[in-house]
């Protein structure tokens, strides 16, 4: 079920800060770059910004020739593979993933690396680049969002590690149908407090 979220700016921030929303790939042991899924800009004090966290996700890939595949509906437990066909490189379903909680994208080409992308609401939420032949990207998403105040981060771009290390607010969406994400804190001078985010007006599913 899709989750209806509504970001509400109740902060004392006068600097028109940007807010980034993203997920972390829970399948990776290495610290992988997170992708800025939603960047909320110019949302003034008292303003709100509604957005949807969909239950569904899509997967796509690009090859070393700069070709991008269509986005295919995907879920945990599936494997997709980029294969060479008579018409060229194509992404297709390739049975079950080795772990039912993970989504896999396999490079089944003889040569040339691929990139794999996962989308939610038509926006990239995770990616893995330079996947060599016979290697695969593995994705797993828990029902949590990370949120923080940033500057100069673009939607769909990797969040650099220095910014990432300053973002420590994780919001669980487990069992939620809708909620407000309320930002407080900030402000000028010595009285400024750290930005904080919390869920309010939560409706359970």
Foldseek 3Di string as FASTA:
>chain_A
DKAKEKEAEQAQAPPFWKKFKAFAFPPDPDRDFWFRADIDGPQDHGGMDIDMFDPWKWKWKAWPVGDIEDTHIDAQQWEWEFEQDPVGTYIDTDHTDPDSQKYKYAYQYPFTFMKMFMHTPRFTRDIDGRATHRGMDIGGTAQKMWMDTDPDHDGGDTDDPVVVVPTDDIGHCPQWRYWYWYWYFAHDDPPGDGIDTDTPPTDGD
